Amino acid sequence: INPSLYLVKYDGIDCVYGLELHRDERIL
């Protein structure tokens, strides 16, 4: 329902994060 939003499991982190990987300006 929001194709720009991805669920990501980061190494060493137990939570699942929801991020707009191509849009979020904090992601470099």
mmCIF file of all heavy atoms, coordinates in Angstrom:
data_MODEL
# 
_entry.id   MODEL 
# 
loop_
_atom_site.group_PDB 
_atom_site.id 
_atom_site.type_symbol 
_atom_site.label_atom_id 
_atom_site.label_alt_id 
_atom_site.label_comp_id 
_atom_site.label_asym_id 
_atom_site.label_entity_id 
_atom_site.label_seq_id 
_atom_site.pdbx_PDB_ins_code 
_atom_site.Cartn_x 
_atom_site.Cartn_y 
_atom_site.Cartn_z 
_atom_site.occupancy 
_atom_site.B_iso_or_equiv 
_atom_site.pdbx_formal_charge 
_atom_site.auth_seq_id 
_atom_site.auth_comp_id 
_atom_site.auth_asym_id 
_atom_site.auth_atom_id 
_atom_site.pdbx_PDB_model_num 
ATOM 1   N N   . ILE A 1 1  ? 0.815  -1.214 0.000  1.00 0.00 ? 1  ILE A N   1 
ATOM 2   C CA  . ILE A 1 1  ? 0.000  0.000  0.000  1.00 0.00 ? 1  ILE A CA  1 
ATOM 3   C C   . ILE A 1 1  ? 0.852  1.268  0.000  1.00 0.00 ? 1  ILE A C   1 
ATOM 4   O O   . ILE A 1 1  ? 0.335  2.368  -0.153 1.00 0.00 ? 1  ILE A O   1 
ATOM 5   C CB  . ILE A 1 1  ? -0.999 0.012  1.183  1.00 0.00 ? 1  ILE A CB  1 
ATOM 6   C CG1 . ILE A 1 1  ? -0.271 -0.127 2.516  1.00 0.00 ? 1  ILE A CG1 1 
ATOM 7   C CG2 . ILE A 1 1  ? -2.043 -1.060 1.013  1.00 0.00 ? 1  ILE A CG2 1 
ATOM 8   C CD1 . ILE A 1 1  ? -0.241 1.119  3.310  1.00 0.00 ? 1  ILE A CD1 1 
ATOM 9   N N   . ASN A 1 2  ? 2.152  1.111  0.168  1.00 0.00 ? 2  ASN A N   1 
ATOM 10  C CA  . ASN A 1 2  ? 3.091  2.235  0.066  1.00 0.00 ? 2  ASN A CA  1 
ATOM 11  C C   . ASN A 1 2  ? 4.401  1.698  -0.502 1.00 0.00 ? 2  ASN A C   1 
ATOM 12  O O   . ASN A 1 2  ? 5.331  1.404  0.232  1.00 0.00 ? 2  ASN A O   1 
ATOM 13  C CB  . ASN A 1 2  ? 3.321  2.887  1.428  1.00 0.00 ? 2  ASN A CB  1 
ATOM 14  C CG  . ASN A 1 2  ? 4.279  4.067  1.347  1.00 0.00 ? 2  ASN A CG  1 
ATOM 15  O OD1 . ASN A 1 2  ? 4.649  4.512  0.263  1.00 0.00 ? 2  ASN A OD1 1 
ATOM 16  N ND2 . ASN A 1 2  ? 4.697  4.576  2.501  1.00 0.00 ? 2  ASN A ND2 1 
ATOM 17  N N   . PRO A 1 3  ? 4.489  1.526  -1.824 1.00 0.00 ? 3  PRO A N   1 
ATOM 18  C CA  . PRO A 1 3  ? 5.638  0.857  -2.446 1.00 0.00 ? 3  PRO A CA  1 
ATOM 19  C C   . PRO A 1 3  ? 6.994  1.517  -2.187 1.00 0.00 ? 3  PRO A C   1 
ATOM 20  O O   . PRO A 1 3  ? 8.019  0.883  -2.385 1.00 0.00 ? 3  PRO A O   1 
ATOM 21  C CB  . PRO A 1 3  ? 5.292  0.895  -3.945 1.00 0.00 ? 3  PRO A CB  1 
ATOM 22  C CG  . PRO A 1 3  ? 3.807  1.009  -3.984 1.00 0.00 ? 3  PRO A CG  1 
ATOM 23  C CD  . PRO A 1 3  ? 3.445  1.875  -2.820 1.00 0.00 ? 3  PRO A CD  1 
ATOM 24  N N   . SER A 1 4  ? 6.998  2.752  -1.733 1.00 0.00 ? 4  SER A N   1 
ATOM 25  C CA  . SER A 1 4  ? 8.277  3.390  -1.422 1.00 0.00 ? 4  SER A CA  1 
ATOM 26  C C   . SER A 1 4  ? 8.804  2.957  -0.058 1.00 0.00 ? 4  SER A C   1 
ATOM 27  O O   . SER A 1 4  ? 9.964  3.207  0.280  1.00 0.00 ? 4  SER A O   1 
ATOM 28  C CB  . SER A 1 4  ? 8.134  4.920  -1.455 1.00 0.00 ? 4  SER A CB  1 
ATOM 29  O OG  . SER A 1 4  ? 7.248  5.366  -0.448 1.00 0.00 ? 4  SER A OG  1 
ATOM 30  N N   . LEU A 1 5  ? 7.959  2.277  0.730  1.00 0.00 ? 5  LEU A N   1 
ATOM 31  C CA  . LEU A 1 5  ? 8.331  1.846  2.081  1.00 0.00 ? 5  LEU A CA  1 
ATOM 32  C C   . LEU A 1 5  ? 8.805  0.394  2.069  1.00 0.00 ? 5  LEU A C   1 
ATOM 33  O O   . LEU A 1 5  ? 8.128  -0.487 1.549  1.00 0.00 ? 5  LEU A O   1 
ATOM 34  C CB  . LEU A 1 5  ? 7.126  1.992  3.021  1.00 0.00 ? 5  LEU A CB  1 
ATOM 35  C CG  . LEU A 1 5  ? 7.354  1.636  4.492  1.00 0.00 ? 5  LEU A CG  1 
ATOM 36  C CD1 . LEU A 1 5  ? 8.337  2.602  5.147  1.00 0.00 ? 5  LEU A CD1 1 
ATOM 37  C CD2 . LEU A 1 5  ? 6.018  1.647  5.246  1.00 0.00 ? 5  LEU A CD2 1 
ATOM 38  N N   . TYR A 1 6  ? 9.974  0.169  2.668  1.00 0.00 ? 6  TYR A N   1 
ATOM 39  C CA  . TYR A 1 6  ? 10.554 -1.173 2.744  1.00 0.00 ? 6  TYR A CA  1 
ATOM 40  C C   . TYR A 1 6  ? 10.747 -1.582 4.205  1.00 0.00 ? 6  TYR A C   1 
ATOM 41  O O   . TYR A 1 6  ? 11.028 -0.745 5.061  1.00 0.00 ? 6  TYR A O   1 
ATOM 42  C CB  . TYR A 1 6  ? 11.912 -1.208 2.044  1.00 0.00 ? 6  TYR A CB  1 
ATOM 43  C CG  . TYR A 1 6  ? 11.851 -0.996 0.549  1.00 0.00 ? 6  TYR A CG  1 
ATOM 44  C CD1 . TYR A 1 6  ? 11.870 0.298  0.016  1.00 0.00 ? 6  TYR A CD1 1 
ATOM 45  C CD2 . TYR A 1 6  ? 11.765 -2.070 -0.338 1.00 0.00 ? 6  TYR A CD2 1 
ATOM 46  C CE1 . TYR A 1 6  ? 11.807 0.503  -1.356 1.00 0.00 ? 6  TYR A CE1 1 
ATOM 47  C CE2 . TYR A 1 6  ? 11.707 -1.868 -1.708 1.00 0.00 ? 6  TYR A CE2 1 
ATOM 48  C CZ  . TYR A 1 6  ? 11.727 -0.578 -2.209 1.00 0.00 ? 6  TYR A CZ  1 
ATOM 49  O OH  . TYR A 1 6  ? 11.664 -0.371 -3.574 1.00 0.00 ? 6  TYR A OH  1 
ATOM 50  N N   . LEU A 1 7  ? 10.606 -2.876 4.458  1.00 0.00 ? 7  LEU A N   1 
ATOM 51  C CA  . LEU A 1 7  ? 10.934 -3.433 5.769  1.00 0.00 ? 7  LEU A CA  1 
ATOM 52  C C   . LEU A 1 7  ? 12.343 -3.991 5.702  1.00 0.00 ? 7  LEU A C   1 
ATOM 53  O O   . LEU A 1 7  ? 12.668 -4.774 4.809  1.00 0.00 ? 7  LEU A O   1 
ATOM 54  C CB  . LEU A 1 7  ? 9.945  -4.530 6.158  1.00 0.00 ? 7  LEU A CB  1 
ATOM 55  C CG  . LEU A 1 7  ? 8.464  -4.134 6.209  1.00 0.00 ? 7  LEU A CG  1 
ATOM 56  C CD1 . LEU A 1 7  ? 7.629  -5.283 6.767  1.00 0.00 ? 7  LEU A CD1 1 
ATOM 57  C CD2 . LEU A 1 7  ? 8.257  -2.874 7.032  1.00 0.00 ? 7  LEU A CD2 1 
ATOM 58  N N   . VAL A 1 8  ? 13.189 -3.581 6.650  1.00 0.00 ? 8  VAL A N   1 
ATOM 59  C CA  . VAL A 1 8  ? 14.607 -3.917 6.612  1.00 0.00 ? 8  VAL A CA  1 
ATOM 60  C C   . VAL A 1 8  ? 15.045 -4.508 7.948  1.00 0.00 ? 8  VAL A C   1 
ATOM 61  O O   . VAL A 1 8  ? 14.696 -3.987 9.019  1.00 0.00 ? 8  VAL A O   1 
ATOM 62  C CB  . VAL A 1 8  ? 15.471 -2.670 6.314  1.00 0.00 ? 8  VAL A CB  1 
ATOM 63  C CG1 . VAL A 1 8  ? 16.943 -3.060 6.179  1.00 0.00 ? 8  VAL A CG1 1 
ATOM 64  C CG2 . VAL A 1 8  ? 14.997 -1.967 5.043  1.00 0.00 ? 8  VAL A CG2 1 
ATOM 65  N N   . LYS A 1 9  ? 15.810 -5.595 7.884  1.00 0.00 ? 9  LYS A N   1 
ATOM 66  C CA  . LYS A 1 9  ? 16.459 -6.174 9.074  1.00 0.00 ? 9  LYS A CA  1 
ATOM 67  C C   . LYS A 1 9  ? 17.935 -5.815 8.994  1.00 0.00 ? 9  LYS A C   1 
ATOM 68  O O   . LYS A 1 9  ? 18.666 -6.301 8.140  1.00 0.00 ? 9  LYS A O   1 
ATOM 69  C CB  . LYS A 1 9  ? 16.283 -7.698 9.083  1.00 0.00 ? 9  LYS A CB  1 
ATOM 70  C CG  . LYS A 1 9  ? 17.149 -8.443 10.114 1.00 0.00 ? 9  LYS A CG  1 
ATOM 71  C CD  . LYS A 1 9  ? 16.718 -8.163 11.530 1.00 0.00 ? 9  LYS A CD  1 
ATOM 72  C CE  . LYS A 1 9  ? 17.428 -9.081 12.529 1.00 0.00 ? 9  LYS A CE  1 
ATOM 73  N NZ  . LYS A 1 9  ? 18.882 -8.798 12.657 1.00 0.00 ? 9  LYS A NZ  1 
ATOM 74  N N   . TYR A 1 10 ? 18.366 -4.907 9.869  1.00 0.00 ? 10 TYR A N   1 
ATOM 75  C CA  . TYR A 1 10 ? 19.767 -4.494 9.887  1.00 0.00 ? 10 TYR A CA  1 
ATOM 76  C C   . TYR A 1 10 ? 20.602 -5.445 10.731 1.00 0.00 ? 10 TYR A C   1 
ATOM 77  O O   . TYR A 1 10 ? 20.127 -6.006 11.730 1.00 0.00 ? 10 TYR A O   1 
ATOM 78  C CB  . TYR A 1 10 ? 19.887 -3.065 10.414 1.00 0.00 ? 10 TYR A CB  1 
ATOM 79  C CG  . TYR A 1 10 ? 19.434 -2.028 9.422  1.00 0.00 ? 10 TYR A CG  1 
ATOM 80  C CD1 . TYR A 1 10 ? 18.185 -1.423 9.537  1.00 0.00 ? 10 TYR A CD1 1 
ATOM 81  C CD2 . TYR A 1 10 ? 20.233 -1.683 8.340  1.00 0.00 ? 10 TYR A CD2 1 
ATOM 82  C CE1 . TYR A 1 10 ? 17.755 -0.491 8.608  1.00 0.00 ? 10 TYR A CE1 1 
ATOM 83  C CE2 . TYR A 1 10 ? 19.804 -0.741 7.408  1.00 0.00 ? 10 TYR A CE2 1 
ATOM 84  C CZ  . TYR A 1 10 ? 18.570 -0.156 7.542  1.00 0.00 ? 10 TYR A CZ  1 
ATOM 85  O OH  . TYR A 1 10 ? 18.149 0.764  6.611  1.00 0.00 ? 10 TYR A OH  1 
ATOM 86  N N   . ASP A 1 11 ? 21.842 -5.622 10.329 1.00 0.00 ? 11 ASP A N   1 
ATOM 87  C CA  . ASP A 1 11 ? 22.753 -6.515 11.042 1.00 0.00 ? 11 ASP A CA  1 
ATOM 88  C C   . ASP A 1 11 ? 22.921 -6.046 12.486 1.00 0.00 ? 11 ASP A C   1 
ATOM 89  O O   . ASP A 1 11 ? 23.192 -4.867 12.747 1.00 0.00 ? 11 ASP A O   1 
ATOM 90  C CB  . ASP A 1 11 ? 24.125 -6.538 10.355 1.00 0.00 ? 11 ASP A CB  1 
ATOM 91  C CG  . ASP A 1 11 ? 24.053 -7.043 8.919  1.00 0.00 ? 11 ASP A CG  1 
ATOM 92  O OD1 . ASP A 1 11 ? 22.978 -7.503 8.494  1.00 0.00 ? 11 ASP A OD1 1 
ATOM 93  O OD2 . ASP A 1 11 ? 25.088 -6.962 8.220  1.00 0.00 ? 11 ASP A OD2 1 
ATOM 94  N N   . GLY A 1 12 ? 22.760 -6.975 13.422 1.00 0.00 ? 12 GLY A N   1 
ATOM 95  C CA  . GLY A 1 12 ? 22.969 -6.653 14.826 1.00 0.00 ? 12 GLY A CA  1 
ATOM 96  C C   . GLY A 1 12 ? 21.809 -5.940 15.494 1.00 0.00 ? 12 GLY A C   1 
ATOM 97  O O   . GLY A 1 12 ? 21.889 -5.590 16.669 1.00 0.00 ? 12 GLY A O   1 
ATOM 98  N N   . ILE A 1 13 ? 20.719 -5.699 14.757 1.00 0.00 ? 13 ILE A N   1 
ATOM 99  C CA  . ILE A 1 13 ? 19.541 -5.029 15.305 1.00 0.00 ? 13 ILE A CA  1 
ATOM 100 C C   . ILE A 1 13 ? 18.370 -6.008 15.307 1.00 0.00 ? 13 ILE A C   1 
ATOM 101 O O   . ILE A 1 13 ? 18.098 -6.659 14.307 1.00 0.00 ? 13 ILE A O   1 
ATOM 102 C CB  . ILE A 1 13 ? 19.163 -3.786 14.463 1.00 0.00 ? 13 ILE A CB  1 
ATOM 103 C CG1 . ILE A 1 13 ? 20.346 -2.818 14.367 1.00 0.00 ? 13 ILE A CG1 1 
ATOM 104 C CG2 . ILE A 1 13 ? 17.936 -3.093 15.046 1.00 0.00 ? 13 ILE A CG2 1 
ATOM 105 C CD1 . ILE A 1 13 ? 20.771 -2.204 15.691 1.00 0.00 ? 13 ILE A CD1 1 
ATOM 106 N N   . ASP A 1 14 ? 17.679 -6.104 16.424 1.00 0.00 ? 14 ASP A N   1 
ATOM 107 C CA  . ASP A 1 14 ? 16.593 -7.071 16.548 1.00 0.00 ? 14 ASP A CA  1 
ATOM 108 C C   . ASP A 1 14 ? 15.261 -6.554 16.010 1.00 0.00 ? 14 ASP A C   1 
ATOM 109 O O   . ASP A 1 14 ? 14.377 -7.346 15.682 1.00 0.00 ? 14 ASP A O   1 
ATOM 110 C CB  . ASP A 1 14 ? 16.413 -7.479 18.018 1.00 0.00 ? 14 ASP A CB  1 
ATOM 111 C CG  . ASP A 1 14 ? 17.641 -8.197 18.568 1.00 0.00 ? 14 ASP A CG  1 
ATOM 112 O OD1 . ASP A 1 14 ? 18.324 -8.871 17.789 1.00 0.00 ? 14 ASP A OD1 1 
ATOM 113 O OD2 . ASP A 1 14 ? 17.899 -8.078 19.772 1.00 0.00 ? 14 ASP A OD2 1 
ATOM 114 N N   . CYS A 1 15 ? 15.093 -5.232 15.962 1.00 0.00 ? 15 CYS A N   1 
ATOM 115 C CA  . CYS A 1 15 ? 13.858 -4.656 15.433 1.00 0.00 ? 15 CYS A CA  1 
ATOM 116 C C   . CYS A 1 15 ? 13.854 -4.695 13.910 1.00 0.00 ? 15 CYS A C   1 
ATOM 117 O O   . CYS A 1 15 ? 14.903 -4.675 13.272 1.00 0.00 ? 15 CYS A O   1 
ATOM 118 C CB  . CYS A 1 15 ? 13.712 -3.198 15.854 1.00 0.00 ? 15 CYS A CB  1 
ATOM 119 S SG  . CYS A 1 15 ? 13.595 -2.912 17.613 1.00 0.00 ? 15 CYS A SG  1 
ATOM 120 N N   . VAL A 1 16 ? 12.661 -4.711 13.345 1.00 0.00 ? 16 VAL A N   1 
ATOM 121 C CA  . VAL A 1 16 ? 12.490 -4.527 11.904 1.00 0.00 ? 16 VAL A CA  1 
ATOM 122 C C   . VAL A 1 16 ? 12.175 -3.056 11.672 1.00 0.00 ? 16 VAL A C   1 
ATOM 123 O O   . VAL A 1 16 ? 11.275 -2.502 12.311 1.00 0.00 ? 16 VAL A O   1 
ATOM 124 C CB  . VAL A 1 16 ? 11.345 -5.413 11.365 1.00 0.00 ? 16 VAL A CB  1 
ATOM 125 C CG1 . VAL A 1 16 ? 11.116 -5.152 9.883  1.00 0.00 ? 16 VAL A CG1 1 
ATOM 126 C CG2 . VAL A 1 16 ? 11.660 -6.886 11.609 1.00 0.00 ? 16 VAL A CG2 1 
ATOM 127 N N   . TYR A 1 17 ? 12.905 -2.416 10.767 1.00 0.00 ? 17 TYR A N   1 
ATOM 128 C CA  . TYR A 1 17 ? 12.690 -0.996 10.499 1.00 0.00 ? 17 TYR A CA  1 
ATOM 129 C C   . TYR A 1 17 ? 11.898 -0.800 9.213  1.00 0.00 ? 17 TYR A C   1 
ATOM 130 O O   . TYR A 1 17 ? 12.037 -1.568 8.261  1.00 0.00 ? 17 TYR A O   1 
ATOM 131 C CB  . TYR A 1 17 ? 14.028 -0.265 10.361 1.00 0.00 ? 17 TYR A CB  1 
ATOM 132 C CG  . TYR A 1 17 ? 14.787 -0.070 11.657 1.00 0.00 ? 17 TYR A CG  1 
ATOM 133 C CD1 . TYR A 1 17 ? 16.082 0.447  11.649 1.00 0.00 ? 17 TYR A CD1 1 
ATOM 134 C CD2 . TYR A 1 17 ? 14.223 -0.393 12.890 1.00 0.00 ? 17 TYR A CD2 1 
ATOM 135 C CE1 . TYR A 1 17 ? 16.784 0.632  12.828 1.00 0.00 ? 17 TYR A CE1 1 
ATOM 136 C CE2 . TYR A 1 17 ? 14.921 -0.216 14.072 1.00 0.00 ? 17 TYR A CE2 1 
ATOM 137 C CZ  . TYR A 1 17 ? 16.194 0.301  14.041 1.00 0.00 ? 17 TYR A CZ  1 
ATOM 138 O OH  . TYR A 1 17 ? 16.894 0.487  15.209 1.00 0.00 ? 17 TYR A OH  1 
ATOM 139 N N   . GLY A 1 18 ? 11.070 0.249  9.195  1.00 0.00 ? 18 GLY A N   1 
ATOM 140 C CA  . GLY A 1 18 ? 10.336 0.629  8.001  1.00 0.00 ? 18 GLY A CA  1 
ATOM 141 C C   . GLY A 1 18 ? 10.897 1.939  7.472  1.00 0.00 ? 18 GLY A C   1 
ATOM 142 O O   . GLY A 1 18 ? 10.789 2.964  8.143  1.00 0.00 ? 18 GLY A O   1 
ATOM 143 N N   . LEU A 1 19 ? 11.489 1.917  6.287  1.00 0.00 ? 19 LEU A N   1 
ATOM 144 C CA  . LEU A 1 19 ? 12.139 3.111  5.732  1.00 0.00 ? 19 LEU A CA  1 
ATOM 145 C C   . LEU A 1 19 ? 11.832 3.264  4.246  1.00 0.00 ? 19 LEU A C   1 
ATOM 146 O O   . LEU A 1 19 ? 11.743 2.276  3.518  1.00 0.00 ? 19 LEU A O   1 
ATOM 147 C CB  . LEU A 1 19 ? 13.660 3.027  5.916  1.00 0.00 ? 19 LEU A CB  1 
ATOM 148 C CG  . LEU A 1 19 ? 14.177 3.171  7.342  1.00 0.00 ? 19 LEU A CG  1 
ATOM 149 C CD1 . LEU A 1 19 ? 15.627 2.704  7.424  1.00 0.00 ? 19 LEU A CD1 1 
ATOM 150 C CD2 . LEU A 1 19 ? 14.056 4.605  7.820  1.00 0.00 ? 19 LEU A CD2 1 
ATOM 151 N N   . GLU A 1 20 ? 11.710 4.507  3.814  1.00 0.00 ? 20 GLU A N   1 
ATOM 152 C CA  . GLU A 1 20 ? 11.589 4.804  2.390  1.00 0.00 ? 20 GLU A CA  1 
ATOM 153 C C   . GLU A 1 20 ? 13.018 4.955  1.859  1.00 0.00 ? 20 GLU A C   1 
ATOM 154 O O   . GLU A 1 20 ? 13.580 6.060  1.835  1.00 0.00 ? 20 GLU A O   1 
ATOM 155 C CB  . GLU A 1 20 ? 10.750 6.059  2.180  1.00 0.00 ? 20 GLU A CB  1 
ATOM 156 C CG  . GLU A 1 20 ? 9.311  5.872  2.622  1.00 0.00 ? 20 GLU A CG  1 
ATOM 157 C CD  . GLU A 1 20 ? 8.405  7.014  2.208  1.00 0.00 ? 20 GLU A CD  1 
ATOM 158 O OE1 . GLU A 1 20 ? 8.925  8.108  1.906  1.00 0.00 ? 20 GLU A OE1 1 
ATOM 159 O OE2 . GLU A 1 20 ? 7.181  6.812  2.176  1.00 0.00 ? 20 GLU A OE2 1 
ATOM 160 N N   . LEU A 1 21 ? 13.593 3.842  1.458  1.00 0.00 ? 21 LEU A N   1 
ATOM 161 C CA  . LEU A 1 21 ? 15.027 3.780  1.174  1.00 0.00 ? 21 LEU A CA  1 
ATOM 162 C C   . LEU A 1 21 ? 15.471 4.731  0.069  1.00 0.00 ? 21 LEU A C   1 
ATOM 163 O O   . LEU A 1 21 ? 16.595 5.236  0.096  1.00 0.00 ? 21 LEU A O   1 
ATOM 164 C CB  . LEU A 1 21 ? 15.424 2.341  0.806  1.00 0.00 ? 21 LEU A CB  1 
ATOM 165 C CG  . LEU A 1 21 ? 15.307 1.318  1.945  1.00 0.00 ? 21 LEU A CG  1 
ATOM 166 C CD1 . LEU A 1 21 ? 15.567 -0.088 1.409  1.00 0.00 ? 21 LEU A CD1 1 
ATOM 167 C CD2 . LEU A 1 21 ? 16.285 1.635  3.076  1.00 0.00 ? 21 LEU A CD2 1 
ATOM 168 N N   . HIS A 1 22 ? 14.604 4.980  -0.909 1.00 0.00 ? 22 HIS A N   1 
ATOM 169 C CA  . HIS A 1 22 ? 14.983 5.848  -2.025 1.00 0.00 ? 22 HIS A CA  1 
ATOM 170 C C   . HIS A 1 22 ? 14.603 7.310  -1.804 1.00 0.00 ? 22 HIS A C   1 
ATOM 171 O O   . HIS A 1 22 ? 14.985 8.169  -2.598 1.00 0.00 ? 22 HIS A O   1 
ATOM 172 C CB  . HIS A 1 22 ? 14.330 5.351  -3.320 1.00 0.00 ? 22 HIS A CB  1 
ATOM 173 C CG  . HIS A 1 22 ? 14.770 3.978  -3.738 1.00 0.00 ? 22 HIS A CG  1 
ATOM 174 N ND1 . HIS A 1 22 ? 16.064 3.681  -4.091 1.00 0.00 ? 22 HIS A ND1 1 
ATOM 175 C CD2 . HIS A 1 22 ? 14.065 2.815  -3.840 1.00 0.00 ? 22 HIS A CD2 1 
ATOM 176 C CE1 . HIS A 1 22 ? 16.144 2.395  -4.418 1.00 0.00 ? 22 HIS A CE1 1 
ATOM 177 N NE2 . HIS A 1 22 ? 14.950 1.851  -4.271 1.00 0.00 ? 22 HIS A NE2 1 
ATOM 178 N N   . ARG A 1 23 ? 13.834 7.581  -0.751 1.00 0.00 ? 23 ARG A N   1 
ATOM 179 C CA  . ARG A 1 23 ? 13.333 8.946  -0.538 1.00 0.00 ? 23 ARG A CA  1 
ATOM 180 C C   . ARG A 1 23 ? 13.842 9.612  0.726  1.00 0.00 ? 23 ARG A C   1 
ATOM 181 O O   . ARG A 1 23 ? 13.921 10.836 0.788  1.00 0.00 ? 23 ARG A O   1 
ATOM 182 C CB  . ARG A 1 23 ? 11.797 8.933  -0.499 1.00 0.00 ? 23 ARG A CB  1 
ATOM 183 C CG  . ARG A 1 23 ? 11.143 8.570  -1.811 1.00 0.00 ? 23 ARG A CG  1 
ATOM 184 C CD  . ARG A 1 23 ? 9.640  8.696  -1.684 1.00 0.00 ? 23 ARG A CD  1 
ATOM 185 N NE  . ARG A 1 23 ? 8.964  8.458  -2.957 1.00 0.00 ? 23 ARG A NE  1 
ATOM 186 C CZ  . ARG A 1 23 ? 7.655  8.567  -3.126 1.00 0.00 ? 23 ARG A CZ  1 
ATOM 187 N NH1 . ARG A 1 23 ? 6.884  8.916  -2.106 1.00 0.00 ? 23 ARG A NH1 1 
ATOM 188 N NH2 . ARG A 1 23 ? 7.107  8.342  -4.309 1.00 0.00 ? 23 ARG A NH2 1 
ATOM 189 N N   . ASP A 1 24 ? 14.126 8.837  1.738  1.00 0.00 ? 24 ASP A N   1 
ATOM 190 C CA  . ASP A 1 24 ? 14.508 9.409  3.031  1.00 0.00 ? 24 ASP A CA  1 
ATOM 191 C C   . ASP A 1 24 ? 15.853 10.128 2.908  1.00 0.00 ? 24 ASP A C   1 
ATOM 192 O O   . ASP A 1 24 ? 16.873 9.513  2.575  1.00 0.00 ? 24 ASP A O   1 
ATOM 193 C CB  . ASP A 1 24 ? 14.598 8.288  4.081  1.00 0.00 ? 24 ASP A CB  1 
ATOM 194 C CG  . ASP A 1 24 ? 14.582 8.817  5.501  1.00 0.00 ? 24 ASP A CG  1 
ATOM 195 O OD1 . ASP A 1 24 ? 15.245 9.836  5.751  1.00 0.00 ? 24 ASP A OD1 1 
ATOM 196 O OD2 . ASP A 1 24 ? 13.915 8.208  6.351  1.00 0.00 ? 24 ASP A OD2 1 
ATOM 197 N N   . GLU A 1 25 ? 15.856 11.414 3.190  1.00 0.00 ? 25 GLU A N   1 
ATOM 198 C CA  . GLU A 1 25 ? 17.075 12.210 3.007  1.00 0.00 ? 25 GLU A CA  1 
ATOM 199 C C   . GLU A 1 25 ? 18.136 11.934 4.064  1.00 0.00 ? 25 GLU A C   1 
ATOM 200 O O   . GLU A 1 25 ? 19.279 12.376 3.926  1.00 0.00 ? 25 GLU A O   1 
ATOM 201 C CB  . GLU A 1 25 ? 16.708 13.699 2.985  1.00 0.00 ? 25 GLU A CB  1 
ATOM 202 C CG  . GLU A 1 25 ? 15.871 14.065 1.769  1.00 0.00 ? 25 GLU A CG  1 
ATOM 203 C CD  . GLU A 1 25 ? 15.580 15.551 1.687  1.00 0.00 ? 25 GLU A CD  1 
ATOM 204 O OE1 . GLU A 1 25 ? 15.741 16.242 2.723  1.00 0.00 ? 25 GLU A OE1 1 
ATOM 205 O OE2 . GLU A 1 25 ? 15.212 16.017 0.602  1.00 0.00 ? 25 GLU A OE2 1 
ATOM 206 N N   . ARG A 1 26 ? 17.777 11.199 5.097  1.00 0.00 ? 26 ARG A N   1 
ATOM 207 C CA  . ARG A 1 26 ? 18.781 10.806 6.099  1.00 0.00 ? 26 ARG A CA  1 
ATOM 208 C C   . ARG A 1 26 ? 19.639 9.639  5.616  1.00 0.00 ? 26 ARG A C   1 
ATOM 209 O O   . ARG A 1 26 ? 20.682 9.346  6.184  1.00 0.00 ? 26 ARG A O   1 
ATOM 210 C CB  . ARG A 1 26 ? 18.076 10.430 7.408  1.00 0.00 ? 26 ARG A CB  1 
ATOM 211 C CG  . ARG A 1 26 ? 17.320 11.589 8.040  1.00 0.00 ? 26 ARG A CG  1 
ATOM 212 C CD  . ARG A 1 26 ? 16.383 11.123 9.127  1.00 0.00 ? 26 ARG A CD  1 
ATOM 213 N NE  . ARG A 1 26 ? 15.321 10.264 8.604  1.00 0.00 ? 26 ARG A NE  1 
ATOM 214 C CZ  . ARG A 1 26 ? 14.354 9.748  9.334  1.00 0.00 ? 26 ARG A CZ  1 
ATOM 215 N NH1 . ARG A 1 26 ? 14.312 10.003 10.628 1.00 0.00 ? 26 ARG A NH1 1 
ATOM 216 N NH2 . ARG A 1 26 ? 13.423 8.980  8.790  1.00 0.00 ? 26 ARG A NH2 1 
ATOM 217 N N   . ILE A 1 27 ? 19.150 8.937  4.580  1.00 0.00 ? 27 ILE A N   1 
ATOM 218 C CA  . ILE A 1 27 ? 19.885 7.807  4.017  1.00 0.00 ? 27 ILE A CA  1 
ATOM 219 C C   . ILE A 1 27 ? 20.851 8.314  2.948  1.00 0.00 ? 27 ILE A C   1 
ATOM 220 O O   . ILE A 1 27 ? 20.439 8.964  1.988  1.00 0.00 ? 27 ILE A O   1 
ATOM 221 C CB  . ILE A 1 27 ? 18.912 6.771  3.435  1.00 0.00 ? 27 ILE A CB  1 
ATOM 222 C CG1 . ILE A 1 27 ? 18.103 6.136  4.578  1.00 0.00 ? 27 ILE A CG1 1 
ATOM 223 C CG2 . ILE A 1 27 ? 19.652 5.698  2.628  1.00 0.00 ? 27 ILE A CG2 1 
ATOM 224 C CD1 . ILE A 1 27 ? 17.033 5.182  4.120  1.00 0.00 ? 27 ILE A CD1 1 
ATOM 225 N N   . LEU A 1 28 ? 22.135 8.000  3.115  1.00 0.00 ? 28 LEU A N   1 
ATOM 226 C CA  . LEU A 1 28 ? 23.179 8.491  2.217  1.00 0.00 ? 28 LEU A CA  1 
ATOM 227 C C   . LEU A 1 28 ? 23.845 7.336  1.482  1.00 0.00 ? 28 LEU A C   1 
ATOM 228 O O   . LEU A 1 28 ? 24.172 6.312  2.070  1.00 0.00 ? 28 LEU A O   1 
ATOM 229 C CB  . LEU A 1 28 ? 24.234 9.269  3.007  1.00 0.00 ? 28 LEU A CB  1 
ATOM 230 C CG  . LEU A 1 28 ? 23.731 10.391 3.926  1.00 0.00 ? 28 LEU A CG  1 
ATOM 231 C CD1 . LEU A 1 28 ? 24.889 10.983 4.714  1.00 0.00 ? 28 LEU A CD1 1 
ATOM 232 C CD2 . LEU A 1 28 ? 23.001 11.455 3.123  1.00 0.00 ? 28 LEU A CD2 1 
# 
